[in-house]
Full PDB file with SEQRES, HELIX, SHEET, SSBOND, CRYST1, ORIGX, SCALE, CONECT and MASTER records, all heavy atoms in Angstrom:
SEQRES   1 A   42  LEU PHE ILE ASP VAL LEU LYS LYS LEU ARG GLU ASP GLY          
SEQRES   2 A   42  VAL THR THR VAL LEU VAL GLU GLN ASN THR LYS ARG ALA          
SEQRES   3 A   42  LEU ARG VAL ALA ASP ASP VAL CYS VAL LEU ALA SER GLY          
SEQRES   4 A   42  ARG PRO VAL                                                  
HELIX    1 AA1 PHE A    2  GLU A   11  1                                  10    
HELIX    2 AA2 THR A   23  VAL A   29  1                                   7    
SHEET    1 AA1 2 LEU A  36  ALA A  37  0                                        
SHEET    2 AA1 2 ARG A  40  PRO A  41 -1                                        
CRYST1    1.000    1.000    1.000  90.00  90.00  90.00 P 1           1          
ORIGX1      1.000000  0.000000  0.000000        0.00000                         
ORIGX2      0.000000  1.000000  0.000000        0.00000                         
ORIGX3      0.000000  0.000000  1.000000        0.00000                         
SCALE1      1.000000  0.000000  0.000000        0.00000                         
SCALE2      0.000000  1.000000  0.000000        0.00000                         
SCALE3      0.000000  0.000000  1.000000        0.00000                         
ATOM      1  N   LEU A   1       0.834  -1.200   0.000  1.00  0.00           N  
ATOM      2  CA  LEU A   1       0.000   0.000   0.000  1.00  0.00           C  
ATOM      3  C   LEU A   1       0.870   1.252   0.000  1.00  0.00           C  
ATOM      4  O   LEU A   1       0.612   2.209  -0.734  1.00  0.00           O  
ATOM      5  CB  LEU A   1      -0.919   0.004   1.219  1.00  0.00           C  
ATOM      6  CG  LEU A   1      -1.581   1.340   1.571  1.00  0.00           C  
ATOM      7  CD1 LEU A   1      -2.604   1.723   0.516  1.00  0.00           C  
ATOM      8  CD2 LEU A   1      -2.251   1.270   2.949  1.00  0.00           C  
ATOM      9  N   PHE A   2       1.917   1.249   0.808  1.00  0.00           N  
ATOM     10  CA  PHE A   2       2.774   2.428   0.920  1.00  0.00           C  
ATOM     11  C   PHE A   2       3.619   2.627  -0.337  1.00  0.00           C  
ATOM     12  O   PHE A   2       3.931   3.765  -0.706  1.00  0.00           O  
ATOM     13  CB  PHE A   2       3.651   2.322   2.166  1.00  0.00           C  
ATOM     14  CG  PHE A   2       2.865   2.429   3.440  1.00  0.00           C  
ATOM     15  CD1 PHE A   2       2.594   1.303   4.194  1.00  0.00           C  
ATOM     16  CD2 PHE A   2       2.357   3.643   3.860  1.00  0.00           C  
ATOM     17  CE1 PHE A   2       1.862   1.383   5.363  1.00  0.00           C  
ATOM     18  CE2 PHE A   2       1.613   3.740   5.020  1.00  0.00           C  
ATOM     19  CZ  PHE A   2       1.365   2.601   5.774  1.00  0.00           C  
ATOM     20  N   ILE A   3       3.982   1.539  -0.987  1.00  0.00           N  
ATOM     21  CA  ILE A   3       4.681   1.666  -2.270  1.00  0.00           C  
ATOM     22  C   ILE A   3       3.772   2.368  -3.273  1.00  0.00           C  
ATOM     23  O   ILE A   3       4.211   3.241  -4.037  1.00  0.00           O  
ATOM     24  CB  ILE A   3       5.113   0.284  -2.801  1.00  0.00           C  
ATOM     25  CG1 ILE A   3       6.211  -0.313  -1.911  1.00  0.00           C  
ATOM     26  CG2 ILE A   3       5.580   0.379  -4.242  1.00  0.00           C  
ATOM     27  CD1 ILE A   3       7.510   0.470  -1.913  1.00  0.00           C  
ATOM     28  N   ASP A   4       2.491   2.013  -3.281  1.00  0.00           N  
ATOM     29  CA  ASP A   4       1.539   2.679  -4.170  1.00  0.00           C  
ATOM     30  C   ASP A   4       1.422   4.172  -3.834  1.00  0.00           C  
ATOM     31  O   ASP A   4       1.292   5.011  -4.731  1.00  0.00           O  
ATOM     32  CB  ASP A   4       0.161   2.013  -4.064  1.00  0.00           C  
ATOM     33  CG  ASP A   4       0.138   0.608  -4.657  1.00  0.00           C  
ATOM     34  OD1 ASP A   4       1.034   0.295  -5.468  1.00  0.00           O  
ATOM     35  OD2 ASP A   4      -0.762  -0.169  -4.300  1.00  0.00           O  
ATOM     36  N   VAL A   5       1.471   4.503  -2.551  1.00  0.00           N  
ATOM     37  CA  VAL A   5       1.425   5.909  -2.140  1.00  0.00           C  
ATOM     38  C   VAL A   5       2.652   6.653  -2.650  1.00  0.00           C  
ATOM     39  O   VAL A   5       2.550   7.783  -3.144  1.00  0.00           O  
ATOM     40  CB  VAL A   5       1.315   6.019  -0.605  1.00  0.00           C  
ATOM     41  CG1 VAL A   5       1.525   7.462  -0.149  1.00  0.00           C  
ATOM     42  CG2 VAL A   5      -0.050   5.530  -0.136  1.00  0.00           C  
ATOM     43  N   LEU A   6       3.822   6.024  -2.559  1.00  0.00           N  
ATOM     44  CA  LEU A   6       5.043   6.654  -3.070  1.00  0.00           C  
ATOM     45  C   LEU A   6       4.925   6.933  -4.563  1.00  0.00           C  
ATOM     46  O   LEU A   6       5.358   7.989  -5.046  1.00  0.00           O  
ATOM     47  CB  LEU A   6       6.254   5.770  -2.803  1.00  0.00           C  
ATOM     48  CG  LEU A   6       6.715   5.629  -1.353  1.00  0.00           C  
ATOM     49  CD1 LEU A   6       7.972   4.763  -1.290  1.00  0.00           C  
ATOM     50  CD2 LEU A   6       6.985   6.986  -0.725  1.00  0.00           C  
ATOM     51  N   LYS A   7       4.355   6.005  -5.294  1.00  0.00           N  
ATOM     52  CA  LYS A   7       4.175   6.203  -6.733  1.00  0.00           C  
ATOM     53  C   LYS A   7       3.234   7.382  -7.003  1.00  0.00           C  
ATOM     54  O   LYS A   7       3.471   8.180  -7.920  1.00  0.00           O  
ATOM     55  CB  LYS A   7       3.630   4.926  -7.373  1.00  0.00           C  
ATOM     56  CG  LYS A   7       4.625   3.768  -7.369  1.00  0.00           C  
ATOM     57  CD  LYS A   7       4.000   2.501  -7.954  1.00  0.00           C  
ATOM     58  CE  LYS A   7       4.988   1.350  -7.956  1.00  0.00           C  
ATOM     59  NZ  LYS A   7       4.386   0.086  -8.467  1.00  0.00           N  
ATOM     60  N   LYS A   8       2.178   7.483  -6.202  1.00  0.00           N  
ATOM     61  CA  LYS A   8       1.238   8.593  -6.368  1.00  0.00           C  
ATOM     62  C   LYS A   8       1.924   9.925  -6.047  1.00  0.00           C  
ATOM     63  O   LYS A   8       1.728  10.925  -6.759  1.00  0.00           O  
ATOM     64  CB  LYS A   8       0.034   8.385  -5.446  1.00  0.00           C  
ATOM     65  CG  LYS A   8      -1.007   9.509  -5.510  1.00  0.00           C  
ATOM     66  CD  LYS A   8      -1.641   9.580  -6.893  1.00  0.00           C  
ATOM     67  CE  LYS A   8      -2.853  10.487  -6.941  1.00  0.00           C  
ATOM     68  NZ  LYS A   8      -2.554  11.888  -6.589  1.00  0.00           N  
ATOM     69  N   LEU A   9       2.732   9.958  -5.005  1.00  0.00           N  
ATOM     70  CA  LEU A   9       3.443  11.179  -4.649  1.00  0.00           C  
ATOM     71  C   LEU A   9       4.413  11.589  -5.756  1.00  0.00           C  
ATOM     72  O   LEU A   9       4.575  12.769  -6.049  1.00  0.00           O  
ATOM     73  CB  LEU A   9       4.194  10.987  -3.331  1.00  0.00           C  
ATOM     74  CG  LEU A   9       3.322  10.818  -2.081  1.00  0.00           C  
ATOM     75  CD1 LEU A   9       4.197  10.519  -0.874  1.00  0.00           C  
ATOM     76  CD2 LEU A   9       2.478  12.054  -1.836  1.00  0.00           C  
ATOM     77  N   ARG A  10       5.054  10.599  -6.369  1.00  0.00           N  
ATOM     78  CA  ARG A  10       5.960  10.903  -7.487  1.00  0.00           C  
ATOM     79  C   ARG A  10       5.188  11.551  -8.630  1.00  0.00           C  
ATOM     80  O   ARG A  10       5.664  12.530  -9.227  1.00  0.00           O  
ATOM     81  CB  ARG A  10       6.662   9.624  -7.962  1.00  0.00           C  
ATOM     82  CG  ARG A  10       7.585   9.853  -9.158  1.00  0.00           C  
ATOM     83  CD  ARG A  10       8.446   8.639  -9.441  1.00  0.00           C  
ATOM     84  NE  ARG A  10       7.659   7.446  -9.659  1.00  0.00           N  
ATOM     85  CZ  ARG A  10       8.184   6.218  -9.765  1.00  0.00           C  
ATOM     86  NH1 ARG A  10       9.484   6.049  -9.633  1.00  0.00           N  
ATOM     87  NH2 ARG A  10       7.409   5.176  -9.967  1.00  0.00           N  
ATOM     88  N   GLU A  11       3.998  11.036  -8.924  1.00  0.00           N  
ATOM     89  CA  GLU A  11       3.165  11.639  -9.968  1.00  0.00           C  
ATOM     90  C   GLU A  11       2.786  13.076  -9.615  1.00  0.00           C  
ATOM     91  O   GLU A  11       2.627  13.917 -10.507  1.00  0.00           O  
ATOM     92  CB  GLU A  11       1.893  10.801 -10.154  1.00  0.00           C  
ATOM     93  CG  GLU A  11       2.142   9.415 -10.732  1.00  0.00           C  
ATOM     94  CD  GLU A  11       0.889   8.556 -10.710  1.00  0.00           C  
ATOM     95  OE1 GLU A  11      -0.175   9.059 -10.262  1.00  0.00           O  
ATOM     96  OE2 GLU A  11       0.965   7.388 -11.120  1.00  0.00           O  
ATOM     97  N   ASP A  12       2.671  13.353  -8.310  1.00  0.00           N  
ATOM     98  CA  ASP A  12       2.295  14.692  -7.848  1.00  0.00           C  
ATOM     99  C   ASP A  12       3.497  15.624  -7.726  1.00  0.00           C  
ATOM    100  O   ASP A  12       3.336  16.779  -7.306  1.00  0.00           O  
ATOM    101  CB  ASP A  12       1.588  14.600  -6.494  1.00  0.00           C  
ATOM    102  CG  ASP A  12       0.227  13.927  -6.594  1.00  0.00           C  
ATOM    103  OD1 ASP A  12      -0.304  13.821  -7.723  1.00  0.00           O  
ATOM    104  OD2 ASP A  12      -0.313  13.518  -5.552  1.00  0.00           O  
ATOM    105  N   GLY A  13       4.689  15.138  -8.066  1.00  0.00           N  
ATOM    106  CA  GLY A  13       5.872  15.990  -8.053  1.00  0.00           C  
ATOM    107  C   GLY A  13       6.625  16.046  -6.746  1.00  0.00           C  
ATOM    108  O   GLY A  13       7.478  16.918  -6.557  1.00  0.00           O  
ATOM    109  N   VAL A  14       6.333  15.123  -5.818  1.00  0.00           N  
ATOM    110  CA  VAL A  14       7.046  15.071  -4.541  1.00  0.00           C  
ATOM    111  C   VAL A  14       8.254  14.143  -4.685  1.00  0.00           C  
ATOM    112  O   VAL A  14       8.104  12.972  -5.049  1.00  0.00           O  
ATOM    113  CB  VAL A  14       6.138  14.572  -3.402  1.00  0.00           C  
ATOM    114  CG1 VAL A  14       6.927  14.501  -2.085  1.00  0.00           C  
ATOM    115  CG2 VAL A  14       4.919  15.463  -3.256  1.00  0.00           C  
ATOM    116  N   THR A  15       9.440  14.671  -4.415  1.00  0.00           N  
ATOM    117  CA  THR A  15      10.650  13.853  -4.440  1.00  0.00           C  
ATOM    118  C   THR A  15      10.765  13.106  -3.119  1.00  0.00           C  
ATOM    119  O   THR A  15      10.643  13.693  -2.049  1.00  0.00           O  
ATOM    120  CB  THR A  15      11.896  14.732  -4.641  1.00  0.00           C  
ATOM    121  OG1 THR A  15      11.803  15.378  -5.908  1.00  0.00           O  
ATOM    122  CG2 THR A  15      13.168  13.909  -4.588  1.00  0.00           C  
ATOM    123  N   THR A  16      10.993  11.805  -3.185  1.00  0.00           N  
ATOM    124  CA  THR A  16      11.100  10.979  -1.988  1.00  0.00           C  
ATOM    125  C   THR A  16      12.467  10.323  -1.914  1.00  0.00           C  
ATOM    126  O   THR A  16      12.953   9.776  -2.902  1.00  0.00           O  
ATOM    127  CB  THR A  16      10.019   9.878  -1.974  1.00  0.00           C  
ATOM    128  OG1 THR A  16       8.726  10.489  -2.070  1.00  0.00           O  
ATOM    129  CG2 THR A  16      10.092   9.060  -0.699  1.00  0.00           C  
ATOM    130  N   VAL A  17      13.069  10.406  -0.733  1.00  0.00           N  
ATOM    131  CA  VAL A  17      14.301   9.670  -0.438  1.00  0.00           C  
ATOM    132  C   VAL A  17      13.910   8.540   0.505  1.00  0.00           C  
ATOM    133  O   VAL A  17      13.475   8.782   1.630  1.00  0.00           O  
ATOM    134  CB  VAL A  17      15.370  10.573   0.208  1.00  0.00           C  
ATOM    135  CG1 VAL A  17      16.619   9.762   0.543  1.00  0.00           C  
ATOM    136  CG2 VAL A  17      15.718  11.728  -0.724  1.00  0.00           C  
ATOM    137  N   LEU A  18      14.060   7.315   0.034  1.00  0.00           N  
ATOM    138  CA  LEU A  18      13.591   6.138   0.755  1.00  0.00           C  
ATOM    139  C   LEU A  18      14.763   5.336   1.303  1.00  0.00           C  
ATOM    140  O   LEU A  18      15.666   4.946   0.557  1.00  0.00           O  
ATOM    141  CB  LEU A  18      12.753   5.264  -0.186  1.00  0.00           C  
ATOM    142  CG  LEU A  18      12.288   3.905   0.332  1.00  0.00           C  
ATOM    143  CD1 LEU A  18      11.317   4.075   1.497  1.00  0.00           C  
ATOM    144  CD2 LEU A  18      11.633   3.105  -0.803  1.00  0.00           C  
ATOM    145  N   VAL A  19      14.749   5.096   2.610  1.00  0.00           N  
ATOM    146  CA  VAL A  19      15.655   4.134   3.242  1.00  0.00           C  
ATOM    147  C   VAL A  19      14.855   2.863   3.463  1.00  0.00           C  
ATOM    148  O   VAL A  19      13.792   2.899   4.090  1.00  0.00           O  
ATOM    149  CB  VAL A  19      16.188   4.670   4.590  1.00  0.00           C  
ATOM    150  CG1 VAL A  19      16.895   3.551   5.363  1.00  0.00           C  
ATOM    151  CG2 VAL A  19      17.142   5.824   4.361  1.00  0.00           C  
ATOM    152  N   GLU A  20      15.349   1.743   2.951  1.00  0.00           N  
ATOM    153  CA  GLU A  20      14.538   0.526   2.990  1.00  0.00           C  
ATOM    154  C   GLU A  20      15.438  -0.710   3.071  1.00  0.00           C  
ATOM    155  O   GLU A  20      16.395  -0.844   2.312  1.00  0.00           O  
ATOM    156  CB  GLU A  20      13.662   0.470   1.744  1.00  0.00           C  
ATOM    157  CG  GLU A  20      12.823  -0.780   1.584  1.00  0.00           C  
ATOM    158  CD  GLU A  20      11.866  -1.008   2.742  1.00  0.00           C  
ATOM    159  OE1 GLU A  20      11.008  -0.154   2.998  1.00  0.00           O  
ATOM    160  OE2 GLU A  20      12.002  -2.053   3.400  1.00  0.00           O  
ATOM    161  N   GLN A  21      15.107  -1.610   4.015  1.00  0.00           N  
ATOM    162  CA  GLN A  21      15.857  -2.859   4.138  1.00  0.00           C  
ATOM    163  C   GLN A  21      15.484  -3.846   3.028  1.00  0.00           C  
ATOM    164  O   GLN A  21      16.323  -4.641   2.608  1.00  0.00           O  
ATOM    165  CB  GLN A  21      15.570  -3.500   5.504  1.00  0.00           C  
ATOM    166  CG  GLN A  21      16.177  -2.761   6.684  1.00  0.00           C  
ATOM    167  CD  GLN A  21      17.685  -2.971   6.780  1.00  0.00           C  
ATOM    168  OE1 GLN A  21      18.230  -3.886   6.170  1.00  0.00           O  
ATOM    169  NE2 GLN A  21      18.343  -2.110   7.516  1.00  0.00           N  
ATOM    170  N   ASN A  22      14.231  -3.796   2.573  1.00  0.00           N  
ATOM    171  CA  ASN A  22      13.776  -4.713   1.536  1.00  0.00           C  
ATOM    172  C   ASN A  22      14.231  -4.181   0.176  1.00  0.00           C  
ATOM    173  O   ASN A  22      13.579  -3.347  -0.441  1.00  0.00           O  
ATOM    174  CB  ASN A  22      12.250  -4.850   1.588  1.00  0.00           C  
ATOM    175  CG  ASN A  22      11.732  -5.944   0.681  1.00  0.00           C  
ATOM    176  OD1 ASN A  22      12.142  -6.050  -0.467  1.00  0.00           O  
ATOM    177  ND2 ASN A  22      10.820  -6.752   1.193  1.00  0.00           N  
ATOM    178  N   THR A  23      15.373  -4.683  -0.280  1.00  0.00           N  
ATOM    179  CA  THR A  23      15.980  -4.181  -1.513  1.00  0.00           C  
ATOM    180  C   THR A  23      15.073  -4.399  -2.717  1.00  0.00           C  
ATOM    181  O   THR A  23      14.925  -3.509  -3.563  1.00  0.00           O  
ATOM    182  CB  THR A  23      17.334  -4.872  -1.743  1.00  0.00           C  
ATOM    183  OG1 THR A  23      18.184  -4.613  -0.623  1.00  0.00           O  
ATOM    184  CG2 THR A  23      17.996  -4.385  -3.011  1.00  0.00           C  
ATOM    185  N   LYS A  24      14.468  -5.559  -2.799  1.00  0.00           N  
ATOM    186  CA  LYS A  24      13.612  -5.869  -3.941  1.00  0.00           C  
ATOM    187  C   LYS A  24      12.460  -4.876  -4.037  1.00  0.00           C  
ATOM    188  O   LYS A  24      12.158  -4.354  -5.109  1.00  0.00           O  
ATOM    189  CB  LYS A  24      13.081  -7.298  -3.811  1.00  0.00           C  
ATOM    190  CG  LYS A  24      12.205  -7.749  -4.962  1.00  0.00           C  
ATOM    191  CD  LYS A  24      11.778  -9.203  -4.785  1.00  0.00           C  
ATOM    192  CE  LYS A  24      10.897  -9.668  -5.931  1.00  0.00           C  
ATOM    193  NZ  LYS A  24      10.488 -11.093  -5.747  1.00  0.00           N  
ATOM    194  N   ARG A  25      11.843  -4.586  -2.892  1.00  0.00           N  
ATOM    195  CA  ARG A  25      10.717  -3.649  -2.876  1.00  0.00           C  
ATOM    196  C   ARG A  25      11.181  -2.240  -3.243  1.00  0.00           C  
ATOM    197  O   ARG A  25      10.533  -1.528  -4.007  1.00  0.00           O  
ATOM    198  CB  ARG A  25      10.063  -3.658  -1.503  1.00  0.00           C  
ATOM    199  CG  ARG A  25       8.851  -2.748  -1.392  1.00  0.00           C  
ATOM    200  CD  ARG A  25       8.168  -2.895  -0.048  1.00  0.00           C  
ATOM    201  NE  ARG A  25       7.572  -4.210   0.100  1.00  0.00           N  
ATOM    202  CZ  ARG A  25       7.862  -5.070   1.073  1.00  0.00           C  
ATOM    203  NH1 ARG A  25       8.767  -4.750   1.979  1.00  0.00           N  
ATOM    204  NH2 ARG A  25       7.256  -6.228   1.134  1.00  0.00           N  
ATOM    205  N   ALA A  26      12.320  -1.828  -2.713  1.00  0.00           N  
ATOM    206  CA  ALA A  26      12.823  -0.477  -2.984  1.00  0.00           C  
ATOM    207  C   ALA A  26      13.135  -0.285  -4.460  1.00  0.00           C  
ATOM    208  O   ALA A  26      12.834   0.755  -5.045  1.00  0.00           O  
ATOM    209  CB  ALA A  26      14.061  -0.212  -2.143  1.00  0.00           C  
ATOM    210  N   LEU A  27      13.732  -1.291  -5.081  1.00  0.00           N  
ATOM    211  CA  LEU A  27      14.115  -1.166  -6.481  1.00  0.00           C  
ATOM    212  C   LEU A  27      12.913  -1.141  -7.412  1.00  0.00           C  
ATOM    213  O   LEU A  27      13.020  -0.670  -8.545  1.00  0.00           O  
ATOM    214  CB  LEU A  27      15.060  -2.307  -6.869  1.00  0.00           C  
ATOM    215  CG  LEU A  27      16.461  -2.240  -6.246  1.00  0.00           C  
ATOM    216  CD1 LEU A  27      17.284  -3.465  -6.646  1.00  0.00           C  
ATOM    217  CD2 LEU A  27      17.173  -0.962  -6.661  1.00  0.00           C  
ATOM    218  N   ARG A  28      11.765  -1.616  -6.941  1.00  0.00           N  
ATOM    219  CA  ARG A  28      10.564  -1.563  -7.772  1.00  0.00           C  
ATOM    220  C   ARG A  28      10.040  -0.148  -7.909  1.00  0.00           C  
ATOM    221  O   ARG A  28       9.372   0.188  -8.893  1.00  0.00           O  
ATOM    222  CB  ARG A  28       9.468  -2.470  -7.183  1.00  0.00           C  
ATOM    223  CG  ARG A  28       9.674  -3.947  -7.412  1.00  0.00           C  
ATOM    224  CD  ARG A  28       8.342  -4.697  -7.414  1.00  0.00           C  
ATOM    225  NE  ARG A  28       7.572  -4.467  -6.204  1.00  0.00           N  
ATOM    226  CZ  ARG A  28       7.608  -5.250  -5.126  1.00  0.00           C  
ATOM    227  NH1 ARG A  28       8.403  -6.296  -5.114  1.00  0.00           N  
ATOM    228  NH2 ARG A  28       6.867  -4.979  -4.080  1.00  0.00           N  
ATOM    229  N   VAL A  29      10.319   0.702  -6.934  1.00  0.00           N  
ATOM    230  CA  VAL A  29       9.745   2.054  -6.946  1.00  0.00           C  
ATOM    231  C   VAL A  29      10.786   3.129  -7.233  1.00  0.00           C  
ATOM    232  O   VAL A  29      10.450   4.239  -7.619  1.00  0.00           O  
ATOM    233  CB  VAL A  29       9.035   2.342  -5.598  1.00  0.00           C  
ATOM    234  CG1 VAL A  29      10.030   2.494  -4.466  1.00  0.00           C  
ATOM    235  CG2 VAL A  29       8.120   3.541  -5.703  1.00  0.00           C  
ATOM    236  N   ALA A  30      12.075   2.799  -7.074  1.00  0.00           N  
ATOM    237  CA  ALA A  30      13.125   3.817  -7.167  1.00  0.00           C  
ATOM    238  C   ALA A  30      13.436   4.204  -8.611  1.00  0.00           C  
ATOM    239  O   ALA A  30      13.371   3.376  -9.522  1.00  0.00           O  
ATOM    240  CB  ALA A  30      14.398   3.318  -6.499  1.00  0.00           C  
ATOM    241  N   ASP A  31      13.792   5.465  -8.797  1.00  0.00           N  
ATOM    242  CA  ASP A  31      14.377   5.927 -10.057  1.00  0.00           C  
ATOM    243  C   ASP A  31      15.896   5.830  -9.980  1.00  0.00           C  
ATOM    244  O   ASP A  31      16.542   5.346 -10.897  1.00  0.00           O  
ATOM    245  CB  ASP A  31      13.967   7.373 -10.340  1.00  0.00           C  
ATOM    246  CG  ASP A  31      12.468   7.527 -10.536  1.00  0.00           C  
ATOM    247  OD1 ASP A  31      11.919   6.804 -11.386  1.00  0.00           O  
ATOM    248  OD2 ASP A  31      11.855   8.342  -9.837  1.00  0.00           O  
ATOM    249  N   ASP A  32      16.445   6.319  -8.872  1.00  0.00           N  
ATOM    250  CA  ASP A  32      17.895   6.336  -8.662  1.00  0.00           C  
ATOM    251  C   ASP A  32      18.223   5.667  -7.338  1.00  0.00           C  
ATOM    252  O   ASP A  32      17.405   5.651  -6.414  1.00  0.00           O  
ATOM    253  CB  ASP A  32      18.419   7.776  -8.650  1.00  0.00           C  
ATOM    254  CG  ASP A  32      18.109   8.493  -9.955  1.00  0.00           C  
ATOM    255  OD1 ASP A  32      18.686   8.102 -10.982  1.00  0.00           O  
ATOM    256  OD2 ASP A  32      17.289   9.424  -9.939  1.00  0.00           O  
ATOM    257  N   VAL A  33      19.442   5.142  -7.250  1.00  0.00           N  
ATOM    258  CA  VAL A  33      19.850   4.360  -6.086  1.00  0.00           C  
ATOM    259  C   VAL A  33      21.209   4.834  -5.596  1.00  0.00           C  
ATOM    260  O   VAL A  33      22.119   5.078  -6.393  1.00  0.00           O  
ATOM    261  CB  VAL A  33      19.925   2.852  -6.435  1.00  0.00           C  
ATOM    262  CG1 VAL A  33      20.510   2.051  -5.274  1.00  0.00           C  
ATOM    263  CG2 VAL A  33      18.549   2.324  -6.795  1.00  0.00           C  
ATOM    264  N   CYS A  34      21.312   4.966  -4.275  1.00  0.00           N  
ATOM    265  CA  CYS A  34      22.595   5.180  -3.618  1.00  0.00           C  
ATOM    266  C   CYS A  34      22.777   4.054  -2.609  1.00  0.00           C  
ATOM    267  O   CYS A  34      21.928   3.859  -1.736  1.00  0.00           O  
ATOM    268  CB  CYS A  34      22.630   6.534  -2.915  1.00  0.00           C  
ATOM    269  SG  CYS A  34      24.132   6.800  -1.940  1.00  0.00           S  
ATOM    270  N   VAL A  35      23.860   3.313  -2.727  1.00  0.00           N  
ATOM    271  CA  VAL A  35      24.186   2.248  -1.775  1.00  0.00           C  
ATOM    272  C   VAL A  35      25.316   2.743  -0.890  1.00  0.00           C  
ATOM    273  O   VAL A  35      26.357   3.183  -1.388  1.00  0.00           O  
ATOM    274  CB  VAL A  35      24.600   0.947  -2.495  1.00  0.00           C  
ATOM    275  CG1 VAL A  35      24.984  -0.129  -1.472  1.00  0.00           C  
ATOM    276  CG2 VAL A  35      23.461   0.444  -3.377  1.00  0.00           C  
ATOM    277  N   LEU A  36      25.088   2.691   0.429  1.00  0.00           N  
ATOM    278  CA  LEU A  36      26.085   3.119   1.398  1.00  0.00           C  
ATOM    279  C   LEU A  36      26.733   1.916   2.063  1.00  0.00           C  
ATOM    280  O   LEU A  36      26.086   0.889   2.296  1.00  0.00           O  
ATOM    281  CB  LEU A  36      25.448   3.995   2.479  1.00  0.00           C  
ATOM    282  CG  LEU A  36      24.849   5.339   2.075  1.00  0.00           C  
ATOM    283  CD1 LEU A  36      24.265   6.038   3.302  1.00  0.00           C  
ATOM    284  CD2 LEU A  36      25.886   6.226   1.410  1.00  0.00           C  
ATOM    285  N   ALA A  37      27.995   2.064   2.403  1.00  0.00           N  
ATOM    286  CA  ALA A  37      28.718   1.089   3.216  1.00  0.00           C  
ATOM    287  C   ALA A  37      29.692   1.865   4.084  1.00  0.00           C  
ATOM    288  O   ALA A  37      30.482   2.667   3.569  1.00  0.00           O  
ATOM    289  CB  ALA A  37      29.462   0.090   2.340  1.00  0.00           C  
ATOM    290  N   SER A  38      29.609   1.666   5.383  1.00  0.00           N  
ATOM    291  CA  SER A  38      30.462   2.379   6.345  1.00  0.00           C  
ATOM    292  C   SER A  38      30.393   3.896   6.147  1.00  0.00           C  
ATOM    293  O   SER A  38      31.405   4.598   6.239  1.00  0.00           O  
ATOM    294  CB  SER A  38      31.913   1.894   6.231  1.00  0.00           C  
ATOM    295  OG  SER A  38      31.989   0.504   6.499  1.00  0.00           O  
ATOM    296  N   GLY A  39      29.197   4.384   5.843  1.00  0.00           N  
ATOM    297  CA  GLY A  39      28.984   5.818   5.728  1.00  0.00           C  
ATOM    298  C   GLY A  39      29.398   6.436   4.410  1.00  0.00           C  
ATOM    299  O   GLY A  39      29.272   7.651   4.230  1.00  0.00           O  
ATOM    300  N   ARG A  40      29.845   5.633   3.469  1.00  0.00           N  
ATOM    301  CA  ARG A  40      30.298   6.174   2.184  1.00  0.00           C  
ATOM    302  C   ARG A  40      29.527   5.537   1.031  1.00  0.00           C  
ATOM    303  O   ARG A  40      29.212   4.351   1.065  1.00  0.00           O  
ATOM    304  CB  ARG A  40      31.798   5.913   1.988  1.00  0.00           C  
ATOM    305  CG  ARG A  40      32.666   6.614   3.015  1.00  0.00           C  
ATOM    306  CD  ARG A  40      34.153   6.374   2.750  1.00  0.00           C  
ATOM    307  NE  ARG A  40      34.981   7.066   3.719  1.00  0.00           N  
ATOM    308  CZ  ARG A  40      35.340   8.334   3.636  1.00  0.00           C  
ATOM    309  NH1 ARG A  40      34.930   9.063   2.617  1.00  0.00           N  
ATOM    310  NH2 ARG A  40      36.091   8.883   4.567  1.00  0.00           N  
ATOM    311  N   PRO A  41      29.235   6.314  -0.013  1.00  0.00           N  
ATOM    312  CA  PRO A  41      28.546   5.739  -1.169  1.00  0.00           C  
ATOM    313  C   PRO A  41      29.460   4.814  -1.957  1.00  0.00           C  
ATOM    314  O   PRO A  41      30.579   5.184  -2.298  1.00  0.00           O  
ATOM    315  CB  PRO A  41      28.147   6.966  -2.002  1.00  0.00           C  
ATOM    316  CG  PRO A  41      29.110   8.034  -1.596  1.00  0.00           C  
ATOM    317  CD  PRO A  41      29.460   7.766  -0.161  1.00  0.00           C  
ATOM    318  N   VAL A  42      28.983   3.601  -2.210  1.00  0.00           N  
ATOM    319  CA  VAL A  42      29.739   2.645  -3.026  1.00  0.00           C  
ATOM    320  C   VAL A  42      29.064   2.418  -4.369  1.00  0.00           C  
ATOM    321  O   VAL A  42      29.621   1.765  -5.249  1.00  0.00           O  
ATOM    322  CB  VAL A  42      29.911   1.304  -2.288  1.00  0.00           C  
ATOM    323  CG1 VAL A  42      30.777   1.489  -1.044  1.00  0.00           C  
ATOM    324  CG2 VAL A  42      28.561   0.692  -1.906  1.00  0.00           C  
TER     325      VAL A  42                                                      
MASTER        0    0    0    2    2    0    0    6  324    1    0    4          
END                                                                             
């Protein structure tokens, strides 16, 4: 349900930065991805 809300917000022009443990779910909704390790982008 919340993934659907994120999609609706994107259509409305709201930029969302999502922190998510479920990688598969996050990649379904994301446009761009930043992966961090030890505080640095990899």
